[in-house]
Amino acid sequence: MISKQSNGARLVSNIKSAIGANLLPGLCLQLFALTIGLSYFYWPASQQTFQFFADLKAEYGAMYAVISTSIFGGLLPFLYLFLSGKIRFSPFIQLLFYISVWAALGGIINGFYGFQIPLFNLVLCFFVLILAILNVDER
């Protein structure tokens, strides 16, 4: 029988292992996101790039979401794992799995966002209308 103390020690060991494995990739992703965010606000030359991707999304809609999510959620993490030697068997099958799962998730997320647009706009418009009728902001 395994004691609770050994379960706790195993849990702490697993947490330390997960932190060690994900710390560098996580910090790189956070730095990348910070760079993108700061460039949007403080580097005017980047506006053309952001507009290009916004136009792509507007033109291709859900297909853009599926492809971009499969690349950034599936292909790039797979490449990192493959090049760091963490994928040891059936790399092509795993690549297909990563890309397929993340492509499906991109479609689901895009659909969910599309579902939220009319839902929250309706609620927001109704809420603003009620506040306007009641003149809540004028006392």
C-alpha atoms as a PDB file:
ATOM      1  CA  MET A   1       0.000   0.000   0.000  1.00  0.00           C
ATOM      2  CA  ILE A   2       1.272   3.466  -0.881  1.00  0.00           C
ATOM      3  CA  SER A   3       1.208   5.971   1.932  1.00  0.00           C
ATOM      4  CA  LYS A   4      -0.212   9.472   1.570  1.00  0.00           C
ATOM      5  CA  GLN A   5       3.199  10.933   2.231  1.00  0.00           C
ATOM      6  CA  SER A   6       4.704   9.135  -0.756  1.00  0.00           C
ATOM      7  CA  ASN A   7       1.777  10.323  -2.894  1.00  0.00           C
ATOM      8  CA  GLY A   8       2.460  13.876  -1.755  1.00  0.00           C
ATOM      9  CA  ALA A   9       6.154  13.506  -2.472  1.00  0.00           C
ATOM     10  CA  ARG A  10       5.372  12.091  -5.913  1.00  0.00           C
ATOM     11  CA  LEU A  11       3.009  14.992  -6.587  1.00  0.00           C
ATOM     12  CA  VAL A  12       5.675  17.542  -5.643  1.00  0.00           C
ATOM     13  CA  SER A  13       8.185  15.689  -7.813  1.00  0.00           C
ATOM     14  CA  ASN A  14       5.764  15.712 -10.771  1.00  0.00           C
ATOM     15  CA  ILE A  15       5.096  19.426 -10.297  1.00  0.00           C
ATOM     16  CA  LYS A  16       8.818  20.217 -10.208  1.00  0.00           C
ATOM     17  CA  SER A  17       9.366  18.127 -13.312  1.00  0.00           C
ATOM     18  CA  ALA A  18       6.527  19.878 -15.169  1.00  0.00           C
ATOM     19  CA  ILE A  19       7.825  23.311 -14.166  1.00  0.00           C
ATOM     20  CA  GLY A  20      11.313  22.365 -15.314  1.00  0.00           C
ATOM     21  CA  ALA A  21      10.062  21.074 -18.658  1.00  0.00           C
ATOM     22  CA  ASN A  22       7.763  24.014 -19.371  1.00  0.00           C
ATOM     23  CA  LEU A  23       9.589  26.985 -17.861  1.00  0.00           C
ATOM     24  CA  LEU A  24      11.786  27.904 -20.822  1.00  0.00           C
ATOM     25  CA  PRO A  25       9.115  27.380 -23.522  1.00  0.00           C
ATOM     26  CA  GLY A  26       6.585  29.265 -21.378  1.00  0.00           C
ATOM     27  CA  LEU A  27       8.921  32.206 -20.827  1.00  0.00           C
ATOM     28  CA  CYS A  28       9.708  32.301 -24.559  1.00  0.00           C
ATOM     29  CA  LEU A  29       5.982  32.386 -25.380  1.00  0.00           C
ATOM     30  CA  GLN A  30       5.357  35.136 -22.835  1.00  0.00           C
ATOM     31  CA  LEU A  31       8.241  37.187 -24.210  1.00  0.00           C
ATOM     32  CA  PHE A  32       6.936  36.683 -27.753  1.00  0.00           C
ATOM     33  CA  ALA A  33       3.420  37.774 -26.713  1.00  0.00           C
ATOM     34  CA  LEU A  34       4.807  40.818 -24.892  1.00  0.00           C
ATOM     35  CA  THR A  35       6.837  41.759 -27.961  1.00  0.00           C
ATOM     36  CA  ILE A  36       3.766  41.514 -30.182  1.00  0.00           C
ATOM     37  CA  GLY A  37       1.668  43.574 -27.775  1.00  0.00           C
ATOM     38  CA  LEU A  38       4.265  46.292 -27.347  1.00  0.00           C
ATOM     39  CA  SER A  39       4.977  46.462 -31.077  1.00  0.00           C
ATOM     40  CA  TYR A  40       1.272  46.997 -31.748  1.00  0.00           C
ATOM     41  CA  PHE A  41       1.174  50.079 -29.529  1.00  0.00           C
ATOM     42  CA  TYR A  42       4.696  51.495 -29.799  1.00  0.00           C
ATOM     43  CA  TRP A  43       6.026  50.574 -33.254  1.00  0.00           C
ATOM     44  CA  PRO A  44       3.945  52.256 -35.970  1.00  0.00           C
ATOM     45  CA  ALA A  45       5.603  50.277 -38.772  1.00  0.00           C
ATOM     46  CA  SER A  46       4.036  47.086 -37.377  1.00  0.00           C
ATOM     47  CA  GLN A  47       0.516  48.338 -38.084  1.00  0.00           C
ATOM     48  CA  GLN A  48       0.712  47.165 -41.714  1.00  0.00           C
ATOM     49  CA  THR A  49       1.549  43.647 -40.574  1.00  0.00           C
ATOM     50  CA  PHE A  50      -1.316  43.559 -38.094  1.00  0.00           C
ATOM     51  CA  GLN A  51      -3.675  44.918 -40.736  1.00  0.00           C
ATOM     52  CA  PHE A  52      -2.500  42.251 -43.194  1.00  0.00           C
ATOM     53  CA  PHE A  53      -3.433  39.474 -40.762  1.00  0.00           C
ATOM     54  CA  ALA A  54      -6.732  41.176 -39.916  1.00  0.00           C
ATOM     55  CA  ASP A  55      -7.537  41.316 -43.634  1.00  0.00           C
ATOM     56  CA  LEU A  56      -6.656  37.629 -44.010  1.00  0.00           C
ATOM     57  CA  LYS A  57      -9.011  36.753 -41.155  1.00  0.00           C
ATOM     58  CA  ALA A  58     -11.766  38.910 -42.646  1.00  0.00           C
ATOM     59  CA  GLU A  59     -11.353  37.322 -46.072  1.00  0.00           C
ATOM     60  CA  TYR A  60     -10.978  33.656 -45.103  1.00  0.00           C
ATOM     61  CA  GLY A  61     -12.893  33.551 -41.809  1.00  0.00           C
ATOM     62  CA  ALA A  62     -12.994  30.126 -40.184  1.00  0.00           C
ATOM     63  CA  MET A  63     -10.429  28.661 -42.588  1.00  0.00           C
ATOM     64  CA  TYR A  64      -7.888  31.236 -41.405  1.00  0.00           C
ATOM     65  CA  ALA A  65      -8.597  30.283 -37.783  1.00  0.00           C
ATOM     66  CA  VAL A  66      -8.231  26.560 -38.537  1.00  0.00           C
ATOM     67  CA  ILE A  67      -4.955  26.956 -40.450  1.00  0.00           C
ATOM     68  CA  SER A  68      -3.332  29.460 -38.082  1.00  0.00           C
ATOM     69  CA  THR A  69      -4.277  27.463 -34.991  1.00  0.00           C
ATOM     70  CA  SER A  70      -2.979  24.247 -36.523  1.00  0.00           C
ATOM     71  CA  ILE A  71       0.329  25.971 -37.312  1.00  0.00           C
ATOM     72  CA  PHE A  72       0.834  27.763 -33.994  1.00  0.00           C
ATOM     73  CA  GLY A  73      -0.799  25.173 -31.747  1.00  0.00           C
ATOM     74  CA  GLY A  74       0.261  22.013 -33.568  1.00  0.00           C
ATOM     75  CA  LEU A  75       3.145  22.402 -36.011  1.00  0.00           C
ATOM     76  CA  LEU A  76       5.434  24.756 -34.068  1.00  0.00           C
ATOM     77  CA  PRO A  77       5.153  22.893 -30.724  1.00  0.00           C
ATOM     78  CA  PHE A  78       5.704  19.614 -32.580  1.00  0.00           C
ATOM     79  CA  LEU A  79       8.839  21.007 -34.206  1.00  0.00           C
ATOM     80  CA  TYR A  80      10.123  22.137 -30.808  1.00  0.00           C
ATOM     81  CA  LEU A  81       9.480  18.711 -29.281  1.00  0.00           C
ATOM     82  CA  PHE A  82      10.928  16.888 -32.285  1.00  0.00           C
ATOM     83  CA  LEU A  83      14.078  18.998 -32.482  1.00  0.00           C
ATOM     84  CA  SER A  84      14.655  18.716 -28.723  1.00  0.00           C
ATOM     85  CA  GLY A  85      14.462  14.904 -28.972  1.00  0.00           C
ATOM     86  CA  LYS A  86      11.284  14.466 -26.952  1.00  0.00           C
ATOM     87  CA  ILE A  87       9.387  12.685 -29.743  1.00  0.00           C
ATOM     88  CA  ARG A  88      10.875   9.211 -29.998  1.00  0.00           C
ATOM     89  CA  PHE A  89       8.326   7.154 -31.945  1.00  0.00           C
ATOM     90  CA  SER A  90       6.084   7.657 -34.989  1.00  0.00           C
ATOM     91  CA  PRO A  91       6.922  11.334 -35.540  1.00  0.00           C
ATOM     92  CA  PHE A  92       4.802  11.625 -38.693  1.00  0.00           C
ATOM     93  CA  ILE A  93       1.725  10.182 -36.954  1.00  0.00           C
ATOM     94  CA  GLN A  94       2.258  12.513 -34.004  1.00  0.00           C
ATOM     95  CA  LEU A  95       2.621  15.474 -36.366  1.00  0.00           C
ATOM     96  CA  LEU A  96      -0.691  14.588 -38.012  1.00  0.00           C
ATOM     97  CA  PHE A  97      -2.279  14.225 -34.583  1.00  0.00           C
ATOM     98  CA  TYR A  98      -1.018  17.601 -33.347  1.00  0.00           C
ATOM     99  CA  ILE A  99      -2.087  19.403 -36.513  1.00  0.00           C
ATOM    100  CA  SER A 100      -5.503  17.674 -36.646  1.00  0.00           C
ATOM    101  CA  VAL A 101      -6.357  18.308 -33.003  1.00  0.00           C
ATOM    102  CA  TRP A 102      -5.313  21.956 -33.135  1.00  0.00           C
ATOM    103  CA  ALA A 103      -7.061  22.531 -36.462  1.00  0.00           C
ATOM    104  CA  ALA A 104     -10.286  21.172 -34.939  1.00  0.00           C
ATOM    105  CA  LEU A 105      -9.805  23.312 -31.845  1.00  0.00           C
ATOM    106  CA  GLY A 106      -9.243  26.374 -34.045  1.00  0.00           C
ATOM    107  CA  GLY A 107     -12.565  25.704 -35.767  1.00  0.00           C
ATOM    108  CA  ILE A 108     -14.347  25.190 -32.447  1.00  0.00           C
ATOM    109  CA  ILE A 109     -12.894  28.368 -30.947  1.00  0.00           C
ATOM    110  CA  ASN A 110     -13.775  30.371 -34.056  1.00  0.00           C
ATOM    111  CA  GLY A 111     -17.336  29.047 -33.883  1.00  0.00           C
ATOM    112  CA  PHE A 112     -17.535  29.871 -30.182  1.00  0.00           C
ATOM    113  CA  TYR A 113     -16.346  33.433 -30.801  1.00  0.00           C
ATOM    114  CA  GLY A 114     -18.863  33.749 -33.619  1.00  0.00           C
ATOM    115  CA  PHE A 115     -21.569  32.534 -31.234  1.00  0.00           C
ATOM    116  CA  GLN A 116     -20.583  35.141 -28.648  1.00  0.00           C
ATOM    117  CA  ILE A 117     -20.790  38.129 -31.005  1.00  0.00           C
ATOM    118  CA  PRO A 118     -24.593  38.294 -31.314  1.00  0.00           C
ATOM    119  CA  LEU A 119     -25.062  37.044 -27.771  1.00  0.00           C
ATOM    120  CA  PHE A 120     -23.064  39.797 -26.087  1.00  0.00           C
ATOM    121  CA  ASN A 121     -23.953  42.551 -28.537  1.00  0.00           C
ATOM    122  CA  LEU A 122     -27.635  41.881 -27.902  1.00  0.00           C
ATOM    123  CA  VAL A 123     -27.152  41.925 -24.143  1.00  0.00           C
ATOM    124  CA  LEU A 124     -24.899  44.989 -24.295  1.00  0.00           C
ATOM    125  CA  CYS A 125     -27.309  46.908 -26.538  1.00  0.00           C
ATOM    126  CA  PHE A 126     -30.256  45.956 -24.356  1.00  0.00           C
ATOM    127  CA  PHE A 127     -28.358  46.967 -21.208  1.00  0.00           C
ATOM    128  CA  VAL A 128     -27.314  50.318 -22.726  1.00  0.00           C
ATOM    129  CA  LEU A 129     -30.901  50.920 -23.885  1.00  0.00           C
ATOM    130  CA  ILE A 130     -32.288  50.255 -20.396  1.00  0.00           C
ATOM    131  CA  LEU A 131     -29.689  52.596 -18.862  1.00  0.00           C
ATOM    132  CA  ALA A 132     -30.562  55.273 -21.412  1.00  0.00           C
ATOM    133  CA  ILE A 133     -34.286  54.900 -20.717  1.00  0.00           C
ATOM    134  CA  LEU A 134     -33.766  55.073 -16.975  1.00  0.00           C
ATOM    135  CA  ASN A 135     -31.188  57.904 -17.263  1.00  0.00           C
ATOM    136  CA  VAL A 136     -28.982  56.103 -14.772  1.00  0.00           C
ATOM    137  CA  ASP A 137     -25.913  58.112 -15.719  1.00  0.00           C
ATOM    138  CA  GLU A 138     -27.653  61.457 -15.075  1.00  0.00           C
ATOM    139  CA  ARG A 139     -28.412  62.193 -11.443  1.00  0.00           C
END
